[in-house]
Amino acid sequence: MKGVIKRPIITEKATQLSEVLNQYSFVVDKKATKEEIKREIEQLYGVKVVKVRTHIMPKKPKYRYTRTAIIRGAKPSFKKAIVTLAEGNEIDFYKNI
């Protein structure tokens, strides 16, 4: 499977995890396995992955209030991977900015 990593998750909580526990979060393909995620992270960023945890985030209902009606919709579900790196390794998402 090519390109299982879609994008990193850069939120306040994810940044805190990376600073304290050396864990990084990514949105990945729903069909990706832990081994595929580990292999691609090691190849893309040149780091040693110790552990990969995954879970599928459920879809969230969203509402938009307009003049005429309430429009109902949903944000789609996605698979999230939390990757723990070996001691001394880190990923810098901002180095090319």
N, C-alpha and C. Protein backbone atom coordinates (compact mmCIF):
# COMPACT_ATOMS: atom_id res chain seq x y z
N MET A 1 0.85 -1.18 0.00
CA MET A 1 0.00 0.00 0.00
C MET A 1 0.90 1.24 0.00
N LYS A 2 0.66 2.13 -0.92
CA LYS A 2 1.50 3.31 -1.05
C LYS A 2 0.85 4.51 -0.38
N GLY A 3 1.61 5.24 0.41
CA GLY A 3 1.13 6.46 1.02
C GLY A 3 0.06 6.25 2.07
N VAL A 4 0.35 5.49 3.11
CA VAL A 4 -0.64 5.26 4.16
C VAL A 4 -0.75 6.47 5.10
N ILE A 5 0.29 7.28 5.19
CA ILE A 5 0.26 8.47 6.04
C ILE A 5 -0.37 9.61 5.25
N LYS A 6 -1.46 10.17 5.77
CA LYS A 6 -2.12 11.28 5.08
C LYS A 6 -1.57 12.63 5.54
N ARG A 7 -1.53 12.85 6.86
CA ARG A 7 -1.00 14.11 7.39
C ARG A 7 -0.74 13.97 8.89
N PRO A 8 0.14 14.79 9.43
CA PRO A 8 0.32 14.79 10.88
C PRO A 8 -0.80 15.57 11.55
N ILE A 9 -1.05 15.24 12.80
CA ILE A 9 -2.03 15.98 13.59
C ILE A 9 -1.24 16.95 14.46
N ILE A 10 -1.45 18.24 14.23
CA ILE A 10 -0.72 19.26 14.99
C ILE A 10 -1.74 20.07 15.78
N THR A 11 -2.03 19.60 16.97
CA THR A 11 -2.93 20.29 17.88
C THR A 11 -2.17 20.54 19.18
N GLU A 12 -2.80 21.24 20.08
CA GLU A 12 -2.17 21.53 21.36
C GLU A 12 -1.86 20.23 22.12
N LYS A 13 -2.80 19.31 22.13
CA LYS A 13 -2.61 18.04 22.84
C LYS A 13 -1.53 17.19 22.17
N ALA A 14 -1.53 17.15 20.84
CA ALA A 14 -0.53 16.36 20.11
C ALA A 14 0.87 16.94 20.31
N THR A 15 0.98 18.26 20.37
CA THR A 15 2.28 18.90 20.60
C THR A 15 2.78 18.58 22.00
N GLN A 16 1.90 18.58 22.97
CA GLN A 16 2.28 18.25 24.34
C GLN A 16 2.75 16.79 24.44
N LEU A 17 2.06 15.88 23.74
CA LEU A 17 2.48 14.48 23.73
C LEU A 17 3.88 14.33 23.14
N SER A 18 4.16 15.09 22.09
CA SER A 18 5.48 14.97 21.46
C SER A 18 6.58 15.51 22.35
N GLU A 19 6.29 16.55 23.12
CA GLU A 19 7.31 17.13 24.00
C GLU A 19 7.55 16.27 25.24
N VAL A 20 6.49 15.73 25.82
CA VAL A 20 6.61 15.02 27.08
C VAL A 20 6.92 13.53 26.89
N LEU A 21 6.16 12.85 26.02
CA LEU A 21 6.27 11.40 25.89
C LEU A 21 6.92 10.93 24.61
N ASN A 22 7.34 11.85 23.74
CA ASN A 22 7.97 11.51 22.45
C ASN A 22 7.01 10.69 21.57
N GLN A 23 5.72 11.11 21.57
CA GLN A 23 4.70 10.46 20.76
C GLN A 23 4.16 11.46 19.74
N TYR A 24 3.95 10.99 18.51
CA TYR A 24 3.47 11.84 17.44
C TYR A 24 2.20 11.23 16.85
N SER A 25 1.24 12.09 16.46
CA SER A 25 -0.05 11.65 15.95
C SER A 25 -0.16 11.92 14.46
N PHE A 26 -0.77 10.98 13.74
CA PHE A 26 -0.95 11.09 12.30
C PHE A 26 -2.33 10.60 11.92
N VAL A 27 -2.88 11.20 10.85
CA VAL A 27 -4.08 10.67 10.21
C VAL A 27 -3.58 9.70 9.15
N VAL A 28 -4.09 8.48 9.18
CA VAL A 28 -3.62 7.45 8.25
C VAL A 28 -4.80 6.85 7.50
N ASP A 29 -4.48 6.08 6.48
CA ASP A 29 -5.50 5.37 5.70
C ASP A 29 -6.20 4.36 6.60
N LYS A 30 -7.52 4.21 6.43
CA LYS A 30 -8.28 3.30 7.29
C LYS A 30 -7.87 1.85 7.14
N LYS A 31 -7.32 1.48 6.01
CA LYS A 31 -6.93 0.09 5.78
C LYS A 31 -5.49 -0.19 6.16
N ALA A 32 -4.76 0.80 6.64
CA ALA A 32 -3.35 0.64 6.97
C ALA A 32 -3.18 -0.19 8.24
N THR A 33 -2.16 -1.05 8.23
CA THR A 33 -1.83 -1.84 9.41
C THR A 33 -0.74 -1.14 10.20
N LYS A 34 -0.51 -1.62 11.42
CA LYS A 34 0.51 -1.02 12.27
C LYS A 34 1.90 -1.18 11.66
N GLU A 35 2.16 -2.31 11.06
CA GLU A 35 3.47 -2.54 10.43
C GLU A 35 3.70 -1.58 9.26
N GLU A 36 2.67 -1.36 8.45
CA GLU A 36 2.80 -0.43 7.32
C GLU A 36 3.04 0.99 7.81
N ILE A 37 2.34 1.39 8.87
CA ILE A 37 2.52 2.72 9.43
C ILE A 37 3.93 2.88 9.97
N LYS A 38 4.40 1.88 10.71
CA LYS A 38 5.75 1.92 11.28
C LYS A 38 6.80 2.02 10.18
N ARG A 39 6.67 1.21 9.14
CA ARG A 39 7.62 1.22 8.04
C ARG A 39 7.68 2.57 7.34
N GLU A 40 6.51 3.16 7.09
CA GLU A 40 6.48 4.43 6.37
C GLU A 40 7.00 5.59 7.21
N ILE A 41 6.69 5.62 8.51
CA ILE A 41 7.21 6.67 9.39
C ILE A 41 8.74 6.60 9.44
N GLU A 42 9.27 5.39 9.59
CA GLU A 42 10.73 5.23 9.64
C GLU A 42 11.38 5.66 8.33
N GLN A 43 10.73 5.38 7.22
CA GLN A 43 11.28 5.74 5.92
C GLN A 43 11.18 7.24 5.66
N LEU A 44 10.04 7.85 5.97
CA LEU A 44 9.83 9.27 5.70
C LEU A 44 10.69 10.18 6.57
N TYR A 45 10.75 9.88 7.86
CA TYR A 45 11.40 10.79 8.81
C TYR A 45 12.76 10.31 9.31
N GLY A 46 13.16 9.10 8.99
CA GLY A 46 14.46 8.58 9.40
C GLY A 46 14.60 8.42 10.91
N VAL A 47 13.57 7.91 11.55
CA VAL A 47 13.57 7.70 13.00
C VAL A 47 13.28 6.24 13.31
N LYS A 48 13.49 5.85 14.56
CA LYS A 48 13.21 4.49 15.02
C LYS A 48 11.90 4.49 15.79
N VAL A 49 10.91 3.73 15.29
CA VAL A 49 9.59 3.64 15.92
C VAL A 49 9.57 2.46 16.89
N VAL A 50 9.15 2.73 18.12
CA VAL A 50 9.08 1.69 19.14
C VAL A 50 7.69 1.07 19.19
N LYS A 51 6.64 1.90 19.09
CA LYS A 51 5.28 1.42 19.29
C LYS A 51 4.31 2.23 18.43
N VAL A 52 3.28 1.55 17.92
CA VAL A 52 2.24 2.21 17.13
C VAL A 52 0.89 1.83 17.73
N ARG A 53 0.10 2.84 18.08
CA ARG A 53 -1.27 2.61 18.55
C ARG A 53 -2.21 3.25 17.54
N THR A 54 -3.29 2.57 17.21
CA THR A 54 -4.24 3.10 16.25
C THR A 54 -5.66 3.01 16.81
N HIS A 55 -6.49 3.92 16.36
CA HIS A 55 -7.91 3.82 16.62
C HIS A 55 -8.67 4.63 15.59
N ILE A 56 -9.90 4.22 15.34
CA ILE A 56 -10.74 4.89 14.36
C ILE A 56 -11.63 5.88 15.10
N MET A 57 -11.48 7.15 14.75
CA MET A 57 -12.28 8.20 15.37
C MET A 57 -13.67 8.19 14.70
N PRO A 58 -14.73 8.23 15.47
CA PRO A 58 -16.08 8.18 14.87
C PRO A 58 -16.42 9.49 14.18
N LYS A 59 -17.42 9.43 13.29
CA LYS A 59 -17.86 10.66 12.63
C LYS A 59 -18.57 11.55 13.65
N LYS A 60 -18.52 12.86 13.40
CA LYS A 60 -19.11 13.82 14.32
C LYS A 60 -20.24 14.57 13.63
N PRO A 61 -21.38 14.69 14.27
CA PRO A 61 -22.45 15.47 13.65
C PRO A 61 -22.13 16.96 13.71
N LYS A 62 -22.47 17.67 12.65
CA LYS A 62 -22.26 19.11 12.57
C LYS A 62 -23.56 19.75 12.12
N TYR A 63 -23.84 20.92 12.66
CA TYR A 63 -25.04 21.66 12.30
C TYR A 63 -24.65 23.06 11.87
N ARG A 64 -25.36 23.57 10.86
CA ARG A 64 -25.14 24.94 10.41
C ARG A 64 -26.50 25.62 10.38
N TYR A 65 -26.58 26.72 11.08
CA TYR A 65 -27.84 27.46 11.17
C TYR A 65 -27.87 28.54 10.09
N THR A 66 -28.85 28.46 9.21
CA THR A 66 -29.01 29.46 8.16
C THR A 66 -30.33 30.20 8.38
N ARG A 67 -30.64 31.15 7.52
CA ARG A 67 -31.89 31.91 7.68
C ARG A 67 -33.12 31.03 7.49
N THR A 68 -33.03 30.10 6.57
CA THR A 68 -34.21 29.32 6.24
C THR A 68 -34.34 28.01 7.00
N ALA A 69 -33.24 27.38 7.34
CA ALA A 69 -33.34 26.06 7.99
C ALA A 69 -32.03 25.72 8.70
N ILE A 70 -32.07 24.63 9.41
CA ILE A 70 -30.87 24.07 10.01
C ILE A 70 -30.35 22.99 9.07
N ILE A 71 -29.12 23.12 8.66
CA ILE A 71 -28.52 22.14 7.76
C ILE A 71 -27.72 21.16 8.59
N ARG A 72 -28.06 19.89 8.45
CA ARG A 72 -27.38 18.84 9.22
C ARG A 72 -26.37 18.14 8.32
N GLY A 73 -25.25 17.79 8.91
CA GLY A 73 -24.23 17.07 8.18
C GLY A 73 -23.34 16.34 9.17
N ALA A 74 -22.21 15.86 8.68
CA ALA A 74 -21.30 15.14 9.55
C ALA A 74 -19.88 15.25 9.02
N LYS A 75 -18.92 15.33 9.95
CA LYS A 75 -17.52 15.22 9.58
C LYS A 75 -17.21 13.73 9.47
N PRO A 76 -16.48 13.30 8.46
CA PRO A 76 -16.26 11.86 8.28
C PRO A 76 -15.35 11.27 9.36
N SER A 77 -15.45 9.98 9.53
CA SER A 77 -14.57 9.28 10.46
C SER A 77 -13.20 9.11 9.83
N PHE A 78 -12.18 8.91 10.67
CA PHE A 78 -10.82 8.72 10.18
C PHE A 78 -10.05 7.85 11.15
N LYS A 79 -8.94 7.30 10.66
CA LYS A 79 -8.08 6.47 11.49
C LYS A 79 -6.91 7.30 11.97
N LYS A 80 -6.62 7.21 13.25
CA LYS A 80 -5.58 7.99 13.89
C LYS A 80 -4.51 7.04 14.42
N ALA A 81 -3.25 7.38 14.18
CA ALA A 81 -2.14 6.57 14.68
C ALA A 81 -1.29 7.42 15.61
N ILE A 82 -0.99 6.89 16.78
CA ILE A 82 -0.09 7.54 17.72
C ILE A 82 1.18 6.71 17.76
N VAL A 83 2.27 7.34 17.34
CA VAL A 83 3.54 6.65 17.15
C VAL A 83 4.51 7.06 18.25
N THR A 84 5.06 6.09 18.98
CA THR A 84 6.07 6.36 19.99
C THR A 84 7.44 6.11 19.39
N LEU A 85 8.33 7.11 19.52
CA LEU A 85 9.67 7.01 18.95
C LEU A 85 10.67 6.57 20.02
N ALA A 86 11.79 6.04 19.56
CA ALA A 86 12.85 5.61 20.47
C ALA A 86 13.48 6.84 21.12
N GLU A 87 14.14 6.62 22.23
CA GLU A 87 14.79 7.69 22.98
C GLU A 87 15.83 8.39 22.11
N GLY A 88 15.78 9.72 22.09
CA GLY A 88 16.74 10.49 21.30
C GLY A 88 16.27 10.83 19.89
N ASN A 89 15.19 10.23 19.42
CA ASN A 89 14.65 10.55 18.09
C ASN A 89 13.54 11.58 18.24
N GLU A 90 13.40 12.43 17.23
CA GLU A 90 12.30 13.38 17.20
C GLU A 90 11.99 13.75 15.76
N ILE A 91 10.76 14.22 15.54
CA ILE A 91 10.31 14.65 14.22
C ILE A 91 10.05 16.15 14.28
N ASP A 92 10.64 16.91 13.35
CA ASP A 92 10.44 18.34 13.28
C ASP A 92 9.56 18.64 12.06
N PHE A 93 8.29 18.96 12.31
CA PHE A 93 7.35 19.23 11.22
C PHE A 93 7.58 20.59 10.60
N TYR A 94 8.29 21.48 11.28
CA TYR A 94 8.41 22.87 10.83
C TYR A 94 9.76 23.21 10.22
N LYS A 95 10.61 22.23 9.94
CA LYS A 95 11.96 22.53 9.48
C LYS A 95 11.99 23.08 8.05
N ASN A 96 10.99 22.80 7.21
CA ASN A 96 10.99 23.28 5.84
C ASN A 96 10.17 24.54 5.63
N ILE A 97 9.71 25.14 6.69
CA ILE A 97 8.90 26.36 6.57
C ILE A 97 9.79 27.57 6.48
